[in-house]
């Protein structure tokens, strides 16, 4: 009896499977003139670059929409310490700011708000980590915009640590 049930069930599955696979579907044409009219405007700060120069980790942020008063960076768990923090504008000139550092976070409060349309670079020098070479560090970045309460997510900066040759 079991063999008859299993045999019938197998035959039923095999006979309906090709029908289900071969069933055509209706498709819609997308009007290309409508898609060309869509425009995106970014009016929030965003990370434009990040990386390593010697023993300095850098994060570049483009300030858009409104001026930025504070910048907060979540430090990776793998980071043991760093010796200094600098914040510079696109010309390399240092931007006046106060920093507060905890084990998990770096808070930067600018002396004057960073104006919309400009960019800045946060540089962490003398970075030492407790991981092996060739790893990835992720820095979460948020900002406080002038005139608004609360933190606005800016993005996650990815730092790929280079392999060091031990020879």
Protein backbone atom coordinates (compact mmCIF):
# COMPACT_ATOMS: atom_id res chain seq x y z
CA UNK A 1 0.00 0.00 0.00
CA UNK A 2 2.88 2.35 0.87
CA UNK A 3 4.50 1.66 -2.48
CA UNK A 4 1.29 2.55 -4.30
CA UNK A 5 0.94 5.86 -2.40
CA UNK A 6 4.59 6.83 -2.90
CA UNK A 7 4.45 5.83 -6.56
CA UNK A 8 1.30 7.86 -7.18
CA UNK A 9 2.70 10.83 -5.31
CA UNK A 10 5.96 10.69 -7.29
CA UNK A 11 4.06 10.51 -10.58
CA UNK A 12 1.92 13.49 -9.57
CA UNK A 13 4.98 15.58 -8.64
CA UNK A 14 6.81 14.69 -11.85
CA UNK A 15 3.80 15.51 -14.02
CA UNK A 16 3.13 18.93 -12.42
CA UNK A 17 6.74 20.12 -12.05
CA UNK A 18 7.36 20.90 -15.76
CA UNK A 19 4.07 22.79 -15.92
CA UNK A 20 4.98 24.98 -12.96
CA UNK A 21 8.42 25.74 -14.38
CA UNK A 22 7.16 26.53 -17.87
CA UNK A 23 4.31 28.87 -16.85
CA UNK A 24 4.82 32.21 -18.61
CA UNK A 25 4.42 35.45 -16.71
CA UNK A 26 3.27 38.83 -17.90
CA UNK A 27 5.92 41.49 -18.00
CA UNK A 28 5.59 45.25 -18.04
CA UNK A 29 7.55 47.63 -20.15
CA UNK A 30 9.26 50.38 -18.18
CA UNK A 31 8.87 53.78 -19.70
CA UNK A 32 12.48 54.91 -20.05
CA UNK A 33 11.44 58.57 -20.29
CA UNK A 34 10.12 58.39 -16.72
CA UNK A 35 13.28 56.82 -15.30
CA UNK A 36 15.47 59.51 -16.86
CA UNK A 37 13.52 62.18 -14.97
CA UNK A 38 14.36 60.80 -11.53
CA UNK A 39 16.94 62.91 -9.71
CA UNK A 40 18.60 62.26 -6.38
CA UNK A 41 19.85 65.06 -4.19
CA UNK A 42 22.07 64.24 -1.22
CA UNK A 43 21.74 66.80 1.56
CA UNK A 44 23.39 64.99 4.42
CA UNK A 45 27.02 64.62 5.49
CA UNK A 46 28.67 61.54 4.01
CA UNK A 47 31.98 59.68 4.12
CA UNK A 48 33.84 60.20 0.87
CA UNK A 49 37.07 58.31 1.64
CA UNK A 50 38.93 56.45 4.38
CA UNK A 51 42.23 54.64 4.63
CA UNK A 52 45.72 54.41 6.09
CA UNK A 53 48.78 56.61 5.53
CA UNK A 54 51.79 55.24 7.46
CA UNK A 55 50.45 54.87 11.02
CA UNK A 56 47.61 57.40 10.49
CA UNK A 57 44.01 56.36 9.88
CA UNK A 58 41.96 59.00 8.06
CA UNK A 59 38.27 59.53 7.45
CA UNK A 60 37.10 62.18 4.95
CA UNK A 61 33.62 63.62 5.43
CA UNK A 62 31.75 65.84 2.99
CA UNK A 63 29.48 68.32 4.80
CA UNK A 64 26.23 68.85 2.90
CA UNK A 65 22.80 70.28 3.71
CA UNK A 66 23.50 72.11 6.95
CA UNK A 67 26.61 72.95 8.91
CA UNK A 68 28.00 70.37 11.34
CA UNK A 69 28.73 71.25 14.97
CA UNK A 70 29.88 67.85 16.34
CA UNK A 71 31.24 64.64 14.89
CA UNK A 72 31.22 61.33 16.77
CA UNK A 73 33.28 58.32 15.75
CA UNK A 74 32.75 54.86 17.24
CA UNK A 75 36.14 53.24 17.74
CA UNK A 76 36.64 49.60 16.72
CA UNK A 77 37.05 47.03 19.50
CA UNK A 78 40.42 46.01 18.02
CA UNK A 79 41.93 49.46 18.57
CA UNK A 80 44.28 49.59 21.55
CA UNK A 81 45.19 53.26 21.35
CA UNK A 82 46.24 56.19 19.19
CA UNK A 83 48.46 59.11 20.04
CA UNK A 84 46.79 62.14 18.45
CA UNK A 85 43.70 63.44 16.64
CA UNK A 86 43.81 66.14 13.96
CA UNK A 87 40.94 67.56 11.95
CA UNK A 88 41.84 69.39 8.74
CA UNK A 89 39.88 71.04 5.93
CA UNK A 90 40.27 70.32 2.20
CA UNK A 91 43.32 72.60 1.99
CA UNK A 92 45.09 70.83 4.88
CA UNK A 93 44.53 73.66 7.36
CA UNK A 94 43.74 72.48 10.88
CA UNK A 95 40.17 73.05 12.07
CA UNK A 96 39.79 74.20 15.68
CA UNK A 97 38.01 71.58 17.77
CA UNK A 98 37.84 70.00 21.20
CA UNK A 99 38.06 66.23 21.47
CA UNK A 100 36.81 63.82 24.08
CA UNK A 101 37.99 60.23 23.95
CA UNK A 102 36.59 57.17 25.67
CA UNK A 103 37.37 53.52 25.04
CA UNK A 104 34.45 53.22 22.61
CA UNK A 105 34.11 56.69 21.12
CA UNK A 106 35.83 59.83 19.87
CA UNK A 107 33.73 63.02 20.13
CA UNK A 108 34.81 66.12 18.21
CA UNK A 109 33.17 69.48 18.96
CA UNK A 110 34.16 72.18 16.49
CA UNK A 111 34.99 75.69 17.72
CA UNK A 112 32.96 77.03 14.77
CA UNK A 113 30.43 74.92 12.84
CA UNK A 114 31.84 73.38 9.65
CA UNK A 115 29.93 75.02 6.79
CA UNK A 116 27.85 73.12 4.28
CA UNK A 117 29.66 72.55 0.99
CA UNK A 118 33.03 71.95 2.62
CA UNK A 119 34.83 68.77 3.59
CA UNK A 120 36.98 67.70 6.49
CA UNK A 121 39.39 64.91 7.30
CA UNK A 122 39.78 63.31 10.73
CA UNK A 123 43.28 61.90 11.22
CA UNK A 124 44.11 59.43 14.00
CA UNK A 125 47.89 59.18 14.32
CA UNK A 126 49.96 56.50 16.05
CA UNK A 127 47.18 53.91 15.83
CA UNK A 128 47.94 50.58 17.47
CA UNK A 129 45.65 47.59 17.22
CA UNK A 130 45.50 44.23 18.94
CA UNK A 131 44.86 42.22 15.79
CA UNK A 132 47.08 40.51 13.28
CA UNK A 133 48.01 42.15 9.98
CA UNK A 134 45.58 42.30 7.11
CA UNK A 135 42.41 42.94 9.07
CA UNK A 136 39.55 45.39 8.60
CA UNK A 137 38.58 48.13 11.06
CA UNK A 138 35.14 49.74 10.95
CA UNK A 139 34.52 53.23 12.34
CA UNK A 140 30.87 54.28 12.75
CA UNK A 141 30.45 58.02 12.13
CA UNK A 142 27.56 60.24 13.24
CA UNK A 143 27.15 64.01 13.33
CA UNK A 144 25.17 66.71 15.07
CA UNK A 145 23.98 69.38 12.71
CA UNK A 146 23.58 72.98 13.75
CA UNK A 147 19.99 73.70 14.75
CA UNK A 148 18.90 70.08 15.07
CA UNK A 149 18.87 67.80 18.09
CA UNK A 150 20.10 64.22 17.98
CA UNK A 151 22.78 62.45 16.02
CA UNK A 152 22.54 61.88 12.29
CA UNK A 153 24.19 58.75 10.86
CA UNK A 154 26.93 59.68 8.41
CA UNK A 155 28.14 56.19 7.57
CA UNK A 156 30.76 53.56 8.33
CA UNK A 157 34.39 54.17 7.42
CA UNK A 158 36.25 51.01 6.45
CA UNK A 159 40.00 50.87 7.09
CA UNK A 160 41.85 47.95 5.49
CA UNK A 161 45.07 47.40 7.41
CA UNK A 162 47.97 46.55 5.12
CA UNK A 163 50.00 43.38 5.52
CA UNK A 164 53.45 44.02 6.91
CA UNK A 165 56.36 42.04 5.54
CA UNK A 166 58.28 40.44 8.42
CA UNK A 167 61.35 39.70 6.26
